[in-house]
Amino acid sequence: MVFCFRSYSFLLALVLVTFVAESRAQDKFISVEGTLNTEEGQRAGCFVVVDETDGVGPVRLNTDAEGGFKIKLRFQHTYTLSFGKKGYVSQRFAFSTMIPKERIEEGFAPKFIDVVLFKAVEGFATDLMDQAVDRYSYIEDQYDLDRDDAYKADMEEKIKTMRKAMAEFVETGKVSAELAEQSRKDAEEKARAEAIAKRQEEERLAKLRADQAAAEQAERQRIAAEQEAERQQKAEAAAERKRKRQQEEAEALAEAEAEENRLKQEQAKLQEEAEARRKAEKAAKEAAASEASKAKEKASAELAAKKAAEEAAREAEQARIKAEKEKAAAELAAKKAAEDAAREAEQARIKAEKEEEIKRLAEEAKQKEIENARKKQEAMAALAQKLKETAEAGERKRLEELAKQEELFRERSSK
């Protein structure tokens, strides 16, 4: 069987592999390791061709002196690894690293495969070996990248049949018609099965991408709904605080206006009382003047004496009236000053109560924000604890897998 790949010199291949390795050094990858040997134990001249179907390739790598190899495969790609040696039938292994993103974050243990090549027979067609003898892909039930055991068993049976035909061909110089036909039918059946498997894998990957996109969209919608609900809640609380503040201001304004009207009414009443006393005094003066005129007519002597007495009485009366007016004015001024002071004190009390209420509402809002932050921290802590437990479970599973792989490697090495 002849490989169809580009002709690279050893130096060019080495440079290309180095370039690819450096360019991917920071990418996450899965390692495929193992040994390549022949049935006769000839490891010299063995090689591996790595073909990334949607990237750089194919690239040829030589095994080391012990037939060992180590290949790093990037995630979300498909690969064909072809193992060969001149004069031997090559074997292909198919790898699909299409894996959910959240599973990639946990990492994978190296995959170990041992390949044993058998000699080619000139003139005998080994078309069956154009197919992959083994294939690996992500298996959700196992939560790991592993081989398709059913496919592997089927190919081993077909290879066994083909090698039986090869042995007969070597002995008789020809392949029996029955075995050749069976080999051809097996190859056709395998090609159909691979086509179905490939289509199913594409459908599974498409569904996986659609599910991931739907989950991301649902999460974005949930976050947006929570943010909108929180915004509406804050708006309603602000509106309620504004309504209460406006109501309190309106009540305080109404009280101030009522107090002002009461003071105006009291002042008007005092002015009416003062006007009434002035009119009464005026009437008294007029009456006294009339009596004095009559007395003057009786007798001029009495008039002169009476005039003197009346003059003294008038002056005394005027002094008394003046004193009463001054007293009334002083009382009115004192009352007004007391009322002004009381009004100012009431207004200061109302203002202090309003400021105290605003301070209380602000403190309640602050305590509510602190409580919300505490609840949010508790929720974040619970989420972090859950993520930690999930990560620890994944790490335990990964360590168990590594232990199994190391045990398998030691068993194979001891053999």
Protein backbone atom coordinates (compact mmCIF):
# COMPACT_ATOMS: atom_id res chain seq x y z
CA MET A 1 0.00 0.00 0.00
CA VAL A 2 1.39 3.38 -0.99
CA PHE A 3 0.83 6.67 0.99
CA CYS A 4 -0.47 9.72 -0.93
CA PHE A 5 1.05 12.76 0.80
CA ARG A 6 3.20 15.72 -0.20
CA SER A 7 6.91 15.12 -0.66
CA TYR A 8 8.66 16.88 2.19
CA SER A 9 12.33 16.50 2.83
CA PHE A 10 13.29 15.60 6.39
CA LEU A 11 14.57 19.12 7.08
CA LEU A 12 11.46 20.82 5.68
CA ALA A 13 9.21 18.50 7.67
CA LEU A 14 11.16 19.23 10.85
CA VAL A 15 10.90 22.99 10.31
CA LEU A 16 7.17 22.76 9.57
CA VAL A 17 6.43 20.63 12.62
CA THR A 18 8.46 23.03 14.79
CA PHE A 19 6.53 25.99 13.39
CA VAL A 20 3.17 24.31 13.97
CA ALA A 21 4.16 23.30 17.51
CA GLU A 22 5.29 26.85 18.39
CA SER A 23 2.21 28.46 16.86
CA ARG A 24 0.00 26.15 18.91
CA ALA A 25 2.02 26.24 22.11
CA GLN A 26 -0.61 28.26 23.91
CA ASP A 27 -3.57 26.22 22.53
CA LYS A 28 -5.10 23.47 24.56
CA PHE A 29 -4.55 20.02 23.05
CA ILE A 30 -4.88 16.31 23.63
CA SER A 31 -1.78 14.12 23.49
CA VAL A 32 -1.63 10.82 21.58
CA GLU A 33 1.36 8.68 22.57
CA GLY A 34 2.56 5.14 21.95
CA THR A 35 4.95 2.89 20.03
CA LEU A 36 5.13 1.80 16.39
CA ASN A 37 6.61 -1.64 15.65
CA THR A 38 6.47 -4.48 13.13
CA GLU A 39 5.61 -8.11 13.71
CA GLU A 40 9.31 -8.88 13.28
CA GLY A 41 10.29 -6.20 15.84
CA GLN A 42 11.90 -3.86 13.26
CA ARG A 43 11.37 -0.30 14.54
CA ALA A 44 13.89 1.51 12.34
CA GLY A 45 12.40 3.47 9.46
CA CYS A 46 8.90 3.70 10.98
CA PHE A 47 7.02 6.97 10.57
CA VAL A 48 3.69 8.69 11.28
CA VAL A 49 1.79 11.00 8.90
CA VAL A 50 -0.48 13.51 10.68
CA ASP A 51 -3.25 14.90 8.48
CA GLU A 52 -5.48 17.64 9.95
CA THR A 53 -8.42 17.60 7.54
CA ASP A 54 -9.31 21.27 8.07
CA GLY A 55 -5.84 22.67 8.74
CA VAL A 56 -2.14 22.20 7.99
CA GLY A 57 -1.21 18.75 6.66
CA PRO A 58 -0.25 16.16 5.99
CA VAL A 59 3.01 16.22 7.97
CA ARG A 60 5.38 13.24 8.28
CA LEU A 61 7.11 12.47 11.59
CA ASN A 62 9.73 9.77 12.22
CA THR A 63 9.53 7.67 15.38
CA ASP A 64 12.44 7.54 17.81
CA ALA A 65 14.91 4.66 18.12
CA GLU A 66 12.47 2.71 20.29
CA GLY A 67 9.59 3.32 17.91
CA GLY A 68 8.01 5.85 20.25
CA PHE A 69 5.93 8.82 19.16
CA LYS A 70 4.04 11.69 20.82
CA ILE A 71 1.55 13.81 18.87
CA LYS A 72 -0.45 16.83 20.10
CA LEU A 73 -3.89 17.27 18.53
CA ARG A 74 -5.81 20.55 18.74
CA PHE A 75 -9.43 20.53 19.90
CA GLN A 76 -12.40 20.96 17.52
CA HIS A 77 -10.65 19.31 14.56
CA THR A 78 -10.56 15.94 12.84
CA TYR A 79 -7.34 14.02 12.20
CA THR A 80 -6.08 10.95 10.39
CA LEU A 81 -2.90 9.38 11.81
CA SER A 82 -1.23 7.04 9.29
CA PHE A 83 1.44 4.64 10.63
CA GLY A 84 3.81 3.10 8.09
CA LYS A 85 7.13 1.60 7.11
CA LYS A 86 8.50 0.73 3.69
CA GLY A 87 7.42 -2.76 2.66
CA TYR A 88 4.62 -2.91 5.23
CA VAL A 89 0.86 -2.33 5.11
CA SER A 90 0.09 1.05 6.64
CA GLN A 91 -2.62 1.51 9.29
CA ARG A 92 -4.82 4.57 9.76
CA PHE A 93 -6.35 5.84 12.99
CA ALA A 94 -9.17 8.44 12.92
CA PHE A 95 -9.41 11.04 15.71
CA SER A 96 -12.24 13.57 16.20
CA THR A 97 -11.51 16.19 18.86
CA MET A 98 -14.94 17.87 18.53
CA ILE A 99 -15.66 18.21 22.25
CA PRO A 100 -17.99 20.50 24.31
CA LYS A 101 -16.15 23.62 25.46
CA GLU A 102 -16.95 23.13 29.14
CA ARG A 103 -15.42 19.62 29.02
CA ILE A 104 -12.23 20.91 27.36
CA GLU A 105 -11.58 23.18 30.36
CA GLU A 106 -11.13 20.09 32.57
CA GLY A 107 -8.40 18.62 30.36
CA PHE A 108 -7.78 15.08 29.11
CA ALA A 109 -5.30 12.39 29.95
CA PRO A 110 -2.96 11.27 27.10
CA LYS A 111 -4.26 8.53 24.80
CA PHE A 112 -1.90 5.55 24.41
CA ILE A 113 -1.95 3.37 21.30
CA ASP A 114 0.47 0.67 20.19
CA VAL A 115 0.63 -0.12 16.47
CA VAL A 116 2.08 -3.31 14.96
CA LEU A 117 2.54 -3.40 11.18
CA PHE A 118 2.52 -6.54 9.02
CA LYS A 119 4.36 -7.01 5.71
CA ALA A 120 2.74 -6.12 2.40
CA VAL A 121 2.43 -8.82 -0.29
CA GLU A 122 3.26 -7.71 -3.80
CA GLY A 123 0.29 -8.10 -6.09
CA PHE A 124 -2.24 -8.37 -3.27
CA ALA A 125 -4.65 -5.43 -2.96
CA THR A 126 -5.20 -4.20 0.60
CA ASP A 127 -8.00 -1.71 -0.14
CA LEU A 128 -9.56 -2.50 3.24
CA MET A 129 -6.63 -0.74 4.91
CA ASP A 130 -7.55 2.52 3.19
CA GLN A 131 -10.13 2.77 5.99
CA ALA A 132 -9.31 3.59 9.59
CA VAL A 133 -8.55 0.48 11.61
CA ASP A 134 -9.55 2.29 14.76
CA ARG A 135 -11.30 5.55 15.50
CA TYR A 136 -11.59 7.80 18.54
CA SER A 137 -14.22 10.43 19.37
CA TYR A 138 -15.88 12.06 22.38
CA ILE A 139 -18.37 9.73 24.09
CA GLU A 140 -20.82 11.65 26.28
CA ASP A 141 -21.75 8.64 28.44
CA GLN A 142 -18.08 8.12 29.31
CA TYR A 143 -17.36 11.85 29.59
CA ASP A 144 -14.13 11.17 27.70
CA LEU A 145 -12.50 10.79 24.30
CA ASP A 146 -12.27 7.04 23.61
CA ARG A 147 -12.27 4.40 20.86
CA ASP A 148 -15.32 2.93 19.15
CA ASP A 149 -15.06 -0.63 20.46
CA ALA A 150 -17.70 -2.03 18.09
CA TYR A 151 -15.94 -0.51 15.10
CA LYS A 152 -12.58 -1.80 16.33
CA ALA A 153 -13.91 -5.38 16.70
CA ASP A 154 -15.51 -5.28 13.26
CA MET A 155 -12.28 -4.09 11.61
CA GLU A 156 -10.19 -6.70 13.41
CA GLU A 157 -12.45 -9.43 12.05
CA LYS A 158 -12.21 -8.05 8.53
CA ILE A 159 -8.44 -7.67 8.74
CA LYS A 160 -8.24 -11.23 9.98
CA THR A 161 -10.20 -12.36 6.91
CA MET A 162 -7.98 -10.26 4.63
CA ARG A 163 -4.79 -11.66 6.12
CA LYS A 164 -6.10 -15.16 5.66
CA ALA A 165 -6.59 -14.32 2.00
CA MET A 166 -3.08 -12.87 1.88
CA ALA A 167 -1.66 -16.10 3.31
CA GLU A 168 -3.54 -18.15 0.74
CA PHE A 169 -2.35 -15.81 -1.97
CA VAL A 170 1.25 -16.32 -0.90
CA GLU A 171 0.79 -20.10 -0.86
CA THR A 172 -1.23 -20.54 -4.05
CA GLY A 173 -0.29 -17.38 -5.87
CA LYS A 174 -3.84 -16.20 -6.12
CA VAL A 175 -6.71 -15.12 -3.94
CA SER A 176 -9.76 -17.30 -3.83
CA ALA A 177 -12.67 -15.69 -5.59
CA GLU A 178 -14.84 -16.13 -2.53
CA LEU A 179 -12.46 -14.34 -0.15
CA ALA A 180 -11.74 -11.55 -2.65
CA GLU A 181 -15.44 -10.95 -3.15
CA GLN A 182 -15.99 -11.00 0.61
CA SER A 183 -13.18 -8.49 1.07
CA ARG A 184 -14.70 -6.22 -1.55
CA LYS A 185 -18.17 -6.45 0.02
CA ASP A 186 -16.73 -5.77 3.45
CA ALA A 187 -14.98 -2.66 2.15
CA GLU A 188 -18.20 -1.39 0.55
CA GLU A 189 -20.22 -2.12 3.68
CA LYS A 190 -17.63 -0.36 5.80
CA ALA A 191 -17.66 2.68 3.54
CA ARG A 192 -21.46 2.90 3.88
CA ALA A 193 -21.24 2.49 7.65
CA GLU A 194 -18.59 5.21 7.85
CA ALA A 195 -20.73 7.55 5.76
CA ILE A 196 -23.70 6.97 8.11
CA ALA A 197 -21.50 7.40 11.18
CA LYS A 198 -20.04 10.61 9.74
CA ARG A 199 -23.50 12.01 9.04
CA GLN A 200 -24.68 11.07 12.55
CA GLU A 201 -21.59 12.72 14.04
CA GLU A 202 -22.24 15.90 12.04
CA GLU A 203 -25.87 15.91 13.20
CA ARG A 204 -24.77 15.38 16.81
CA LEU A 205 -22.25 18.24 16.59
CA ALA A 206 -24.84 20.51 14.98
CA LYS A 207 -27.31 19.71 17.77
CA LEU A 208 -24.61 20.31 20.37
CA ARG A 209 -23.79 23.72 18.90
CA ALA A 210 -27.51 24.59 18.68
CA ASP A 211 -28.07 23.53 22.31
CA GLN A 212 -25.09 25.60 23.45
CA ALA A 213 -26.34 28.65 21.50
CA ALA A 214 -29.86 28.22 22.93
CA ALA A 215 -28.48 27.90 26.47
CA GLU A 216 -26.34 31.02 26.04
CA GLN A 217 -29.34 32.94 24.62
CA ALA A 218 -31.57 31.78 27.51
CA GLU A 219 -28.92 32.87 30.02
CA ARG A 220 -28.64 36.30 28.37
CA GLN A 221 -32.44 36.68 28.44
CA ARG A 222 -32.59 35.64 32.11
CA ILE A 223 -29.92 38.17 33.07
CA ALA A 224 -31.69 40.89 31.06
CA ALA A 225 -35.02 40.04 32.75
CA GLU A 226 -33.42 40.20 36.21
CA GLN A 227 -31.80 43.53 35.38
CA GLU A 228 -35.11 44.91 34.06
CA ALA A 229 -36.98 43.70 37.18
CA GLU A 230 -34.35 45.30 39.42
CA ARG A 231 -34.54 48.54 37.42
CA GLN A 232 -38.35 48.63 37.72
CA GLN A 233 -38.15 47.89 41.44
CA LYS A 234 -35.69 50.76 41.96
CA ALA A 235 -37.87 53.08 39.84
CA GLU A 236 -40.98 52.18 41.87
CA ALA A 237 -39.13 52.73 45.15
CA ALA A 238 -37.83 56.10 43.92
CA ALA A 239 -41.34 57.10 42.79
CA GLU A 240 -42.76 56.12 46.19
CA ARG A 241 -40.09 58.14 48.01
CA LYS A 242 -40.81 61.12 45.76
CA ARG A 243 -44.56 60.82 46.38
CA LYS A 244 -44.09 60.73 50.16
CA ARG A 245 -41.69 63.68 50.04
CA GLN A 246 -44.17 65.74 47.95
CA GLN A 247 -47.03 64.82 50.29
CA GLU A 248 -45.02 65.86 53.35
CA GLU A 249 -44.02 69.14 51.71
CA ALA A 250 -47.66 69.86 50.75
CA GLU A 251 -48.83 69.14 54.33
CA ALA A 252 -46.11 71.38 55.77
CA LEU A 253 -47.01 74.16 53.33
CA ALA A 254 -50.70 73.89 54.22
CA GLU A 255 -49.88 74.10 57.94
CA ALA A 256 -47.69 77.18 57.34
CA GLU A 257 -50.45 78.88 55.31
CA ALA A 258 -53.03 78.13 58.03
CA GLU A 259 -50.75 79.59 60.68
CA GLU A 260 -50.19 82.71 58.59
CA ASN A 261 -53.95 83.20 58.12
CA ARG A 262 -54.53 82.83 61.88
CA LEU A 263 -51.92 85.52 62.61
CA LYS A 264 -53.49 87.85 60.04
CA GLN A 265 -56.94 87.36 61.63
CA GLU A 266 -55.60 88.13 65.14
CA GLN A 267 -53.86 91.27 63.85
CA ALA A 268 -57.06 92.47 62.15
CA LYS A 269 -59.00 91.88 65.38
CA LEU A 270 -56.49 93.97 67.39
CA GLN A 271 -56.76 96.78 64.86
CA GLU A 272 -60.58 96.74 65.13
CA GLU A 273 -60.41 96.92 68.93
CA ALA A 274 -57.99 99.88 68.80
CA GLU A 275 -60.28 101.72 66.33
CA ALA A 276 -63.29 101.15 68.62
CA ARG A 277 -61.41 102.59 71.62
CA ARG A 278 -60.37 105.61 69.55
CA LYS A 279 -63.97 106.32 68.54
CA ALA A 280 -65.14 105.94 72.14
CA GLU A 281 -62.53 108.40 73.37
CA LYS A 282 -63.52 110.84 70.65
CA ALA A 283 -67.17 110.62 71.67
CA ALA A 284 -66.24 111.16 75.30
CA LYS A 285 -64.26 114.24 74.40
CA GLU A 286 -67.14 115.67 72.44
CA ALA A 287 -69.51 115.06 75.33
CA ALA A 288 -67.13 116.71 77.77
CA ALA A 289 -66.81 119.75 75.50
CA SER A 290 -70.61 120.05 75.34
CA GLU A 291 -70.90 119.93 79.14
CA ALA A 292 -68.18 122.54 79.48
CA SER A 293 -69.99 124.88 77.09
CA LYS A 294 -73.16 124.62 79.14
CA ALA A 295 -71.31 125.21 82.35
CA LYS A 296 -69.66 128.27 80.80
CA GLU A 297 -73.04 129.73 80.13
CA LYS A 298 -74.00 129.42 83.83
CA ALA A 299 -71.26 131.41 85.20
CA SER A 300 -68.07 132.81 83.97
CA ALA A 301 -66.31 132.28 87.29
CA GLU A 302 -67.32 128.70 87.43
CA LEU A 303 -66.47 128.51 83.80
CA ALA A 304 -62.96 129.75 84.40
CA ALA A 305 -62.48 127.37 87.33
CA LYS A 306 -64.18 124.59 85.54
CA LYS A 307 -62.17 125.36 82.44
CA ALA A 308 -59.00 125.10 84.42
CA ALA A 309 -60.20 121.85 85.99
CA GLU A 310 -61.32 120.48 82.66
CA GLU A 311 -58.05 121.47 81.09
CA ALA A 312 -56.22 119.59 83.79
CA ALA A 313 -58.62 116.67 83.43
CA ARG A 314 -58.19 116.73 79.65
CA GLU A 315 -54.47 116.68 79.93
CA ALA A 316 -54.67 113.90 82.46
CA GLU A 317 -57.07 112.02 80.19
CA GLN A 318 -54.79 112.52 77.20
CA ALA A 319 -51.84 111.27 79.21
CA ARG A 320 -53.91 108.27 80.27
CA ILE A 321 -55.04 107.58 76.70
CA LYS A 322 -51.49 107.94 75.44
CA ALA A 323 -50.25 105.57 78.10
CA GLU A 324 -52.98 103.07 77.20
CA LYS A 325 -52.12 103.35 73.51
CA GLU A 326 -48.46 102.85 74.19
CA LYS A 327 -49.26 99.91 76.43
CA ALA A 328 -51.55 98.39 73.80
CA ALA A 329 -48.90 98.93 71.09
CA ALA A 330 -46.22 97.35 73.31
CA GLU A 331 -48.51 94.39 74.08
CA LEU A 332 -49.32 94.00 70.39
CA ALA A 333 -45.63 94.16 69.44
CA ALA A 334 -44.73 91.66 72.17
CA LYS A 335 -47.53 89.31 71.07
CA LYS A 336 -46.50 89.60 67.44
CA ALA A 337 -42.85 88.93 68.35
CA ALA A 338 -43.92 85.90 70.39
CA GLU A 339 -46.09 84.66 67.52
CA ASP A 340 -43.23 85.22 65.04
CA ALA A 341 -40.88 83.30 67.31
CA ALA A 342 -43.45 80.50 67.71
CA ARG A 343 -43.99 80.36 63.95
CA GLU A 344 -40.24 80.24 63.29
CA ALA A 345 -39.82 77.54 65.95
CA GLU A 346 -42.66 75.52 64.38
CA GLN A 347 -41.16 75.91 60.94
CA ALA A 348 -37.73 74.82 62.32
CA ARG A 349 -39.38 71.80 63.97
CA ILE A 350 -41.12 70.85 60.73
CA LYS A 351 -37.86 71.26 58.81
CA ALA A 352 -35.97 69.16 61.37
CA GLU A 353 -38.64 66.45 61.22
CA LYS A 354 -38.43 66.44 57.41
CA GLU A 355 -34.64 66.18 57.51
CA GLU A 356 -34.88 63.40 60.08
CA GLU A 357 -37.40 61.54 57.89
CA ILE A 358 -35.16 61.94 54.82
CA LYS A 359 -32.21 60.68 56.85
CA ARG A 360 -34.29 57.72 58.08
CA LEU A 361 -35.39 56.83 54.52
CA ALA A 362 -31.79 57.10 53.33
CA GLU A 363 -30.65 54.83 56.15
CA GLU A 364 -33.40 52.31 55.30
CA ALA A 365 -32.32 52.38 51.63
CA LYS A 366 -28.69 51.90 52.68
CA GLN A 367 -29.59 48.96 54.93
CA LYS A 368 -31.65 47.46 52.11
CA GLU A 369 -28.69 47.79 49.72
CA ILE A 370 -26.40 46.19 52.33
CA GLU A 371 -28.89 43.34 52.77
CA ASN A 372 -29.16 42.87 48.99
CA ALA A 373 -25.35 42.84 48.72
CA ARG A 374 -25.16 40.29 51.53
CA LYS A 375 -27.73 38.05 49.83
CA LYS A 376 -25.90 38.42 46.54
CA GLN A 377 -22.59 37.51 48.21
CA GLU A 378 -24.23 34.48 49.81
CA ALA A 379 -25.62 33.42 46.42
CA MET A 380 -22.21 33.95 44.79
CA ALA A 381 -20.55 31.96 47.59
CA ALA A 382 -23.05 29.12 47.12
CA LEU A 383 -22.46 29.19 43.38
CA ALA A 384 -18.66 29.23 43.91
CA GLN A 385 -18.98 26.28 46.32
CA LYS A 386 -21.06 24.38 43.78
CA LEU A 387 -18.55 25.13 41.02
CA LYS A 388 -15.73 24.08 43.33
CA GLU A 389 -17.47 20.78 44.12
CA THR A 390 -18.10 20.20 40.40
CA ALA A 391 -14.44 20.98 39.60
CA GLU A 392 -13.25 18.69 42.40
CA ALA A 393 -15.45 15.86 41.10
CA GLY A 394 -14.10 16.41 37.57
CA GLU A 395 -10.52 16.52 38.93
CA ARG A 396 -11.04 13.27 40.83
CA LYS A 397 -12.41 11.63 37.72
CA ARG A 398 -9.49 12.94 35.65
CA LEU A 399 -6.96 11.68 38.25
CA GLU A 400 -8.66 8.27 38.26
CA GLU A 401 -8.44 8.19 34.47
CA LEU A 402 -4.75 9.16 34.62
CA ALA A 403 -4.13 6.38 37.14
CA LYS A 404 -5.85 3.89 34.85
CA GLN A 405 -3.86 5.09 31.86
CA GLU A 406 -0.60 4.92 33.80
CA GLU A 407 -1.43 1.40 35.01
CA LEU A 408 -2.24 0.37 31.43
CA PHE A 409 1.01 1.93 30.22
CA ARG A 410 3.00 0.10 32.90
CA GLU A 411 1.34 -3.18 32.00
CA ARG A 412 2.14 -2.67 28.35
CA SER A 413 5.68 -1.59 29.14
CA SER A 414 6.21 -4.69 31.30
CA LYS A 415 5.15 -6.80 28.38
